[in-house]
Every structure is written in structure tokens, then in C-alpha cells.
Amino acid sequence: MGFADDAKDALAATGQKIGRAAEDAKERVSDKVDEVKADAEVKKAEGDVKKAEAERDATKAKNDYKEDLR
């Protein structure tokens, strides 16, 4: 019966190791998704800043032009 108990223990340990490996893989995928989302938010914010700067510059140019006409 010692052999059967050893095999049972080995199978249990293998099952636990597989479970931990699957959980680790799931966590790595989740971390990567979070990283990609954060990068997308940064790029969107950078785009918003560039758009605001362009609008500011256009408004300044328009106001300068109006001032020159006066």
C-alpha cells in the first residue's frame, strides 16, 4: 500500500502544481491586459493635449489676425 499512497501524493502534488501554473498564466494575461489599457489611456491623453494645443494656437492666430485688422 505504500506505493499506492506515494502515487496518490505524487498525483496530488502534480495537480496542485498544474493549478498554480494555470493561475499564474491567468494572472500574467490579466496583467498584460491592464498594461495595454493603461498605455491606451496615456496615448489618448497625449492626443487630447496635442488637440488642445492646436486649438489654442489656432485661437491665438485668429485673435492676432483680428488685432492686425483693427
PDB file of N, CA and C in Angstrom:
ATOM      1  N   MET A   1       0.799  -1.194   0.000  1.00  0.00           N
ATOM      2  CA  MET A   1       0.000   0.000   0.000  1.00  0.00           C
ATOM      3  C   MET A   1       0.844   1.261   0.000  1.00  0.00           C
ATOM      4  N   GLY A   2       2.089   1.192   0.332  1.00  0.00           N
ATOM      5  CA  GLY A   2       2.963   2.351   0.327  1.00  0.00           C
ATOM      6  C   GLY A   2       3.120   2.939  -1.070  1.00  0.00           C
ATOM      7  N   PHE A   3       3.185   2.047  -2.069  1.00  0.00           N
ATOM      8  CA  PHE A   3       3.327   2.518  -3.442  1.00  0.00           C
ATOM      9  C   PHE A   3       2.088   3.304  -3.880  1.00  0.00           C
ATOM     10  N   ALA A   4       0.933   2.816  -3.525  1.00  0.00           N
ATOM     11  CA  ALA A   4      -0.317   3.488  -3.902  1.00  0.00           C
ATOM     12  C   ALA A   4      -0.412   4.861  -3.234  1.00  0.00           C
ATOM     13  N   ASP A   5      -0.006   4.941  -1.971  1.00  0.00           N
ATOM     14  CA  ASP A   5      -0.029   6.226  -1.271  1.00  0.00           C
ATOM     15  C   ASP A   5       0.955   7.205  -1.892  1.00  0.00           C
ATOM     16  N   ASP A   6       2.133   6.684  -2.252  1.00  0.00           N
ATOM     17  CA  ASP A   6       3.131   7.544  -2.899  1.00  0.00           C
ATOM     18  C   ASP A   6       2.614   8.073  -4.243  1.00  0.00           C
ATOM     19  N   ALA A   7       1.959   7.196  -5.000  1.00  0.00           N
ATOM     20  CA  ALA A   7       1.416   7.614  -6.295  1.00  0.00           C
ATOM     21  C   ALA A   7       0.316   8.645  -6.101  1.00  0.00           C
ATOM     22  N   LYS A   8      -0.514   8.436  -5.075  1.00  0.00           N
ATOM     23  CA  LYS A   8      -1.583   9.398  -4.775  1.00  0.00           C
ATOM     24  C   LYS A   8      -1.001  10.761  -4.423  1.00  0.00           C
ATOM     25  N   ASP A   9       0.023  10.744  -3.577  1.00  0.00           N
ATOM     26  CA  ASP A   9       0.668  12.002  -3.182  1.00  0.00           C
ATOM     27  C   ASP A   9       1.298  12.691  -4.387  1.00  0.00           C
ATOM     28  N   ALA A  10       1.928  11.902  -5.242  1.00  0.00           N
ATOM     29  CA  ALA A  10       2.558  12.477  -6.436  1.00  0.00           C
ATOM     30  C   ALA A  10       1.511  13.085  -7.347  1.00  0.00           C
ATOM     31  N   LEU A  11       0.393  12.400  -7.521  1.00  0.00           N
ATOM     32  CA  LEU A  11      -0.680  12.946  -8.359  1.00  0.00           C
ATOM     33  C   LEU A  11      -1.268  14.213  -7.756  1.00  0.00           C
ATOM     34  N   ALA A  12      -1.431  14.214  -6.441  1.00  0.00           N
ATOM     35  CA  ALA A  12      -1.969  15.406  -5.781  1.00  0.00           C
ATOM     36  C   ALA A  12      -1.013  16.589  -5.951  1.00  0.00           C
ATOM     37  N   ALA A  13       0.286  16.336  -5.770  1.00  0.00           N
ATOM     38  CA  ALA A  13       1.271  17.410  -5.926  1.00  0.00           C
ATOM     39  C   ALA A  13       1.297  17.910  -7.364  1.00  0.00           C
ATOM     40  N   THR A  14       1.187  16.997  -8.317  1.00  0.00           N
ATOM     41  CA  THR A  14       1.170  17.387  -9.727  1.00  0.00           C
ATOM     42  C   THR A  14      -0.061  18.228 -10.034  1.00  0.00           C
ATOM     43  N   GLY A  15      -1.183  17.812  -9.507  1.00  0.00           N
ATOM     44  CA  GLY A  15      -2.412  18.577  -9.716  1.00  0.00           C
ATOM     45  C   GLY A  15      -2.314  19.981  -9.150  1.00  0.00           C
ATOM     46  N   GLN A  16      -1.717  20.102  -7.963  1.00  0.00           N
ATOM     47  CA  GLN A  16      -1.545  21.421  -7.351  1.00  0.00           C
ATOM     48  C   GLN A  16      -0.601  22.280  -8.183  1.00  0.00           C
ATOM     49  N   LYS A  17       0.467  21.656  -8.682  1.00  0.00           N
ATOM     50  CA  LYS A  17       1.431  22.406  -9.495  1.00  0.00           C
ATOM     51  C   LYS A  17       0.782  22.907 -10.790  1.00  0.00           C
ATOM     52  N   ILE A  18      -0.031  22.063 -11.404  1.00  0.00           N
ATOM     53  CA  ILE A  18      -0.741  22.460 -12.630  1.00  0.00           C
ATOM     54  C   ILE A  18      -1.711  23.592 -12.326  1.00  0.00           C
ATOM     55  N   GLY A  19      -2.409  23.482 -11.197  1.00  0.00           N
ATOM     56  CA  GLY A  19      -3.342  24.539 -10.801  1.00  0.00           C
ATOM     57  C   GLY A  19      -2.642  25.865 -10.588  1.00  0.00           C
ATOM     58  N   ARG A  20      -1.477  25.820  -9.926  1.00  0.00           N
ATOM     59  CA  ARG A  20      -0.719  27.063  -9.706  1.00  0.00           C
ATOM     60  C   ARG A  20      -0.218  27.638 -11.028  1.00  0.00           C
ATOM     61  N   ALA A  21       0.222  26.763 -11.924  1.00  0.00           N
ATOM     62  CA  ALA A  21       0.713  27.229 -13.228  1.00  0.00           C
ATOM     63  C   ALA A  21      -0.411  27.892 -14.021  1.00  0.00           C
ATOM     64  N   ALA A  22      -1.598  27.295 -13.977  1.00  0.00           N
ATOM     65  CA  ALA A  22      -2.742  27.879 -14.691  1.00  0.00           C
ATOM     66  C   ALA A  22      -3.116  29.230 -14.084  1.00  0.00           C
ATOM     67  N   GLU A  23      -3.104  29.321 -12.762  1.00  0.00           N
ATOM     68  CA  GLU A  23      -3.436  30.582 -12.084  1.00  0.00           C
ATOM     69  C   GLU A  23      -2.398  31.664 -12.417  1.00  0.00           C
ATOM     70  N   ASP A  24      -1.124  31.262 -12.441  1.00  0.00           N
ATOM     71  CA  ASP A  24      -0.061  32.217 -12.797  1.00  0.00           C
ATOM     72  C   ASP A  24      -0.227  32.715 -14.228  1.00  0.00           C
ATOM     73  N   ALA A  25      -0.556  31.818 -15.140  1.00  0.00           N
ATOM     74  CA  ALA A  25      -0.753  32.212 -16.542  1.00  0.00           C
ATOM     75  C   ALA A  25      -1.923  33.173 -16.661  1.00  0.00           C
ATOM     76  N   LYS A  26      -2.998  32.864 -15.949  1.00  0.00           N
ATOM     77  CA  LYS A  26      -4.176  33.741 -15.966  1.00  0.00           C
ATOM     78  C   LYS A  26      -3.823  35.125 -15.433  1.00  0.00           C
ATOM     79  N   GLU A  27      -3.038  35.156 -14.373  1.00  0.00           N
ATOM     80  CA  GLU A  27      -2.649  36.433 -13.776  1.00  0.00           C
ATOM     81  C   GLU A  27      -1.741  37.233 -14.714  1.00  0.00           C
ATOM     82  N   ARG A  28      -0.815  36.542 -15.408  1.00  0.00           N
ATOM     83  CA  ARG A  28       0.068  37.242 -16.359  1.00  0.00           C
ATOM     84  C   ARG A  28      -0.733  37.857 -17.497  1.00  0.00           C
ATOM     85  N   VAL A  29      -1.723  37.122 -17.997  1.00  0.00           N
ATOM     86  CA  VAL A  29      -2.573  37.643 -19.073  1.00  0.00           C
ATOM     87  C   VAL A  29      -3.342  38.864 -18.574  1.00  0.00           C
ATOM     88  N   SER A  30      -3.866  38.768 -17.381  1.00  0.00           N
ATOM     89  CA  SER A  30      -4.614  39.887 -16.800  1.00  0.00           C
ATOM     90  C   SER A  30      -3.714  41.112 -16.631  1.00  0.00           C
ATOM     91  N   ASP A  31      -2.485  40.883 -16.178  1.00  0.00           N
ATOM     92  CA  ASP A  31      -1.542  41.989 -16.023  1.00  0.00           C
ATOM     93  C   ASP A  31      -1.232  42.637 -17.363  1.00  0.00           C
ATOM     94  N   LYS A  32      -1.068  41.834 -18.396  1.00  0.00           N
ATOM     95  CA  LYS A  32      -0.760  42.362 -19.727  1.00  0.00           C
ATOM     96  C   LYS A  32      -1.936  43.187 -20.257  1.00  0.00           C
ATOM     97  N   VAL A  33      -3.157  42.706 -20.019  1.00  0.00           N
ATOM     98  CA  VAL A  33      -4.347  43.450 -20.456  1.00  0.00           C
ATOM     99  C   VAL A  33      -4.388  44.806 -19.749  1.00  0.00           C
ATOM    100  N   ASP A  34      -4.122  44.818 -18.446  1.00  0.00           N
ATOM    101  CA  ASP A  34      -4.113  46.074 -17.701  1.00  0.00           C
ATOM    102  C   ASP A  34      -3.047  47.024 -18.244  1.00  0.00           C
ATOM    103  N   GLU A  35      -1.888  46.467 -18.592  1.00  0.00           N
ATOM    104  CA  GLU A  35      -0.799  47.284 -19.132  1.00  0.00           C
ATOM    105  C   GLU A  35      -1.197  47.913 -20.471  1.00  0.00           C
ATOM    106  N   VAL A  36      -1.822  47.129 -21.332  1.00  0.00           N
ATOM    107  CA  VAL A  36      -2.248  47.632 -22.644  1.00  0.00           C
ATOM    108  C   VAL A  36      -3.306  48.723 -22.478  1.00  0.00           C
ATOM    109  N   LYS A  37      -4.241  48.514 -21.540  1.00  0.00           N
ATOM    110  CA  LYS A  37      -5.273  49.534 -21.289  1.00  0.00           C
ATOM    111  C   LYS A  37      -4.642  50.834 -20.792  1.00  0.00           C
ATOM    112  N   ALA A  38      -3.667  50.723 -19.895  1.00  0.00           N
ATOM    113  CA  ALA A  38      -3.009  51.920 -19.367  1.00  0.00           C
ATOM    114  C   ALA A  38      -2.264  52.652 -20.485  1.00  0.00           C
ATOM    115  N   ASP A  39      -1.584  51.900 -21.351  1.00  0.00           N
ATOM    116  CA  ASP A  39      -0.889  52.529 -22.475  1.00  0.00           C
ATOM    117  C   ASP A  39      -1.867  53.249 -23.393  1.00  0.00           C
ATOM    118  N   ALA A  40      -3.026  52.650 -23.615  1.00  0.00           N
ATOM    119  CA  ALA A  40      -4.031  53.279 -24.477  1.00  0.00           C
ATOM    120  C   ALA A  40      -4.542  54.574 -23.852  1.00  0.00           C
ATOM    121  N   GLU A  41      -4.734  54.568 -22.546  1.00  0.00           N
ATOM    122  CA  GLU A  41      -5.193  55.788 -21.867  1.00  0.00           C
ATOM    123  C   GLU A  41      -4.145  56.894 -21.969  1.00  0.00           C
ATOM    124  N   VAL A  42      -2.873  56.531 -21.844  1.00  0.00           N
ATOM    125  CA  VAL A  42      -1.800  57.525 -21.953  1.00  0.00           C
ATOM    126  C   VAL A  42      -1.787  58.115 -23.360  1.00  0.00           C
ATOM    127  N   LYS A  43      -1.883  57.263 -24.368  1.00  0.00           N
ATOM    128  CA  LYS A  43      -1.868  57.754 -25.751  1.00  0.00           C
ATOM    129  C   LYS A  43      -3.070  58.660 -26.017  1.00  0.00           C
ATOM    130  N   LYS A  44      -4.224  58.311 -25.459  1.00  0.00           N
ATOM    131  CA  LYS A  44      -5.409  59.149 -25.631  1.00  0.00           C
ATOM    132  C   LYS A  44      -5.193  60.507 -24.972  1.00  0.00           C
ATOM    133  N   ALA A  45      -4.630  60.491 -23.768  1.00  0.00           N
ATOM    134  CA  ALA A  45      -4.375  61.750 -23.061  1.00  0.00           C
ATOM    135  C   ALA A  45      -3.379  62.603 -23.828  1.00  0.00           C
ATOM    136  N   GLU A  46      -2.345  61.974 -24.376  1.00  0.00           N
ATOM    137  CA  GLU A  46      -1.365  62.721 -25.171  1.00  0.00           C
ATOM    138  C   GLU A  46      -2.038  63.333 -26.396  1.00  0.00           C
ATOM    139  N   GLY A  47      -2.934  62.587 -27.030  1.00  0.00           N
ATOM    140  CA  GLY A  47      -3.671  63.104 -28.184  1.00  0.00           C
ATOM    141  C   GLY A  47      -4.552  64.271 -27.805  1.00  0.00           C
ATOM    142  N   ASP A  48      -5.190  64.172 -26.633  1.00  0.00           N
ATOM    143  CA  ASP A  48      -6.039  65.269 -26.159  1.00  0.00           C
ATOM    144  C   ASP A  48      -5.215  66.535 -25.919  1.00  0.00           C
ATOM    145  N   VAL A  49      -4.018  66.360 -25.377  1.00  0.00           N
ATOM    146  CA  VAL A  49      -3.152  67.516 -25.123  1.00  0.00           C
ATOM    147  C   VAL A  49      -2.749  68.161 -26.442  1.00  0.00           C
ATOM    148  N   LYS A  50      -2.369  67.347 -27.414  1.00  0.00           N
ATOM    149  CA  LYS A  50      -1.972  67.899 -28.717  1.00  0.00           C
ATOM    150  C   LYS A  50      -3.136  68.631 -29.377  1.00  0.00           C
ATOM    151  N   LYS A  51      -4.332  68.074 -29.252  1.00  0.00           N
ATOM    152  CA  LYS A  51      -5.509  68.723 -29.832  1.00  0.00           C
ATOM    153  C   LYS A  51      -5.762  70.068 -29.147  1.00  0.00           C
ATOM    154  N   ALA A  52      -5.655  70.090 -27.819  1.00  0.00           N
ATOM    155  CA  ALA A  52      -5.870  71.336 -27.079  1.00  0.00           C
ATOM    156  C   ALA A  52      -4.816  72.374 -27.446  1.00  0.00           C
ATOM    157  N   GLU A  53      -3.577  71.933 -27.605  1.00  0.00           N
ATOM    158  CA  GLU A  53      -2.516  72.874 -28.005  1.00  0.00           C
ATOM    159  C   GLU A  53      -2.791  73.431 -29.402  1.00  0.00           C
ATOM    160  N   ALA A  54      -3.251  72.593 -30.310  1.00  0.00           N
ATOM    161  CA  ALA A  54      -3.554  73.051 -31.669  1.00  0.00           C
ATOM    162  C   ALA A  54      -4.714  74.043 -31.649  1.00  0.00           C
ATOM    163  N   GLU A  55      -5.726  73.764 -30.843  1.00  0.00           N
ATOM    164  CA  GLU A  55      -6.850  74.698 -30.736  1.00  0.00           C
ATOM    165  C   GLU A  55      -6.389  76.026 -30.134  1.00  0.00           C
ATOM    166  N   ARG A  56      -5.527  75.952 -29.143  1.00  0.00           N
ATOM    167  CA  ARG A  56      -5.003  77.176 -28.529  1.00  0.00           C
ATOM    168  C   ARG A  56      -4.237  77.998 -29.555  1.00  0.00           C
ATOM    169  N   ASP A  57      -3.381  77.332 -30.321  1.00  0.00           N
ATOM    170  CA  ASP A  57      -2.579  78.030 -31.332  1.00  0.00           C
ATOM    171  C   ASP A  57      -3.468  78.636 -32.414  1.00  0.00           C
ATOM    172  N   ALA A  58      -4.509  77.905 -32.802  1.00  0.00           N
ATOM    173  CA  ALA A  58      -5.424  78.428 -33.835  1.00  0.00           C
ATOM    174  C   ALA A  58      -6.172  79.642 -33.308  1.00  0.00           C
ATOM    175  N   THR A  59      -6.596  79.588 -32.058  1.00  0.00           N
ATOM    176  CA  THR A  59      -7.310  80.723 -31.463  1.00  0.00           C
ATOM    177  C   THR A  59      -6.387  81.937 -31.366  1.00  0.00           C
ATOM    178  N   LYS A  60      -5.146  81.696 -30.974  1.00  0.00           N
ATOM    179  CA  LYS A  60      -4.180  82.801 -30.874  1.00  0.00           C
ATOM    180  C   LYS A  60      -3.943  83.419 -32.248  1.00  0.00           C
ATOM    181  N   ALA A  61      -3.788  82.579 -33.259  1.00  0.00           N
ATOM    182  CA  ALA A  61      -3.562  83.092 -34.617  1.00  0.00           C
ATOM    183  C   ALA A  61      -4.762  83.899 -35.093  1.00  0.00           C
ATOM    184  N   LYS A  62      -5.957  83.406 -34.802  1.00  0.00           N
ATOM    185  CA  LYS A  62      -7.177  84.123 -35.190  1.00  0.00           C
ATOM    186  C   LYS A  62      -7.249  85.471 -34.482  1.00  0.00           C
ATOM    187  N   ASN A  63      -6.952  85.482 -33.189  1.00  0.00           N
ATOM    188  CA  ASN A  63      -7.003  86.730 -32.431  1.00  0.00           C
ATOM    189  C   ASN A  63      -5.931  87.716 -32.892  1.00  0.00           C
ATOM    190  N   ASP A  64      -4.752  87.203 -33.211  1.00  0.00           N
ATOM    191  CA  ASP A  64      -3.688  88.069 -33.739  1.00  0.00           C
ATOM    192  C   ASP A  64      -4.101  88.684 -35.064  1.00  0.00           C
ATOM    193  N   TYR A  65      -4.725  87.890 -35.907  1.00  0.00           N
ATOM    194  CA  TYR A  65      -5.189  88.385 -37.196  1.00  0.00           C
ATOM    195  C   TYR A  65      -6.241  89.481 -37.006  1.00  0.00           C
ATOM    196  N   LYS A  66      -7.186  89.240 -36.085  1.00  0.00           N
ATOM    197  CA  LYS A  66      -8.210  90.247 -35.810  1.00  0.00           C
ATOM    198  C   LYS A  66      -7.579  91.527 -35.280  1.00  0.00           C
ATOM    199  N   GLU A  67      -6.585  91.376 -34.438  1.00  0.00           N
ATOM    200  CA  GLU A  67      -5.910  92.544 -33.863  1.00  0.00           C
ATOM    201  C   GLU A  67      -5.213  93.353 -34.959  1.00  0.00           C
ATOM    202  N   ASP A  68      -4.622  92.653 -35.916  1.00  0.00           N
ATOM    203  CA  ASP A  68      -3.953  93.339 -37.020  1.00  0.00           C
ATOM    204  C   ASP A  68      -4.952  94.114 -37.891  1.00  0.00           C
ATOM    205  N   LEU A  69      -6.171  93.619 -37.993  1.00  0.00           N
ATOM    206  CA  LEU A  69      -7.181  94.291 -38.804  1.00  0.00           C
ATOM    207  C   LEU A  69      -7.688  95.565 -38.137  1.00  0.00           C
ATOM    208  N   ARG A  70      -7.556  95.659 -36.842  1.00  0.00           N
ATOM    209  CA  ARG A  70      -8.092  96.834 -36.133  1.00  0.00           C
ATOM    210  C   ARG A  70      -7.228  98.025 -36.286  1.00  0.00           C
TER     211      ARG A  70
END
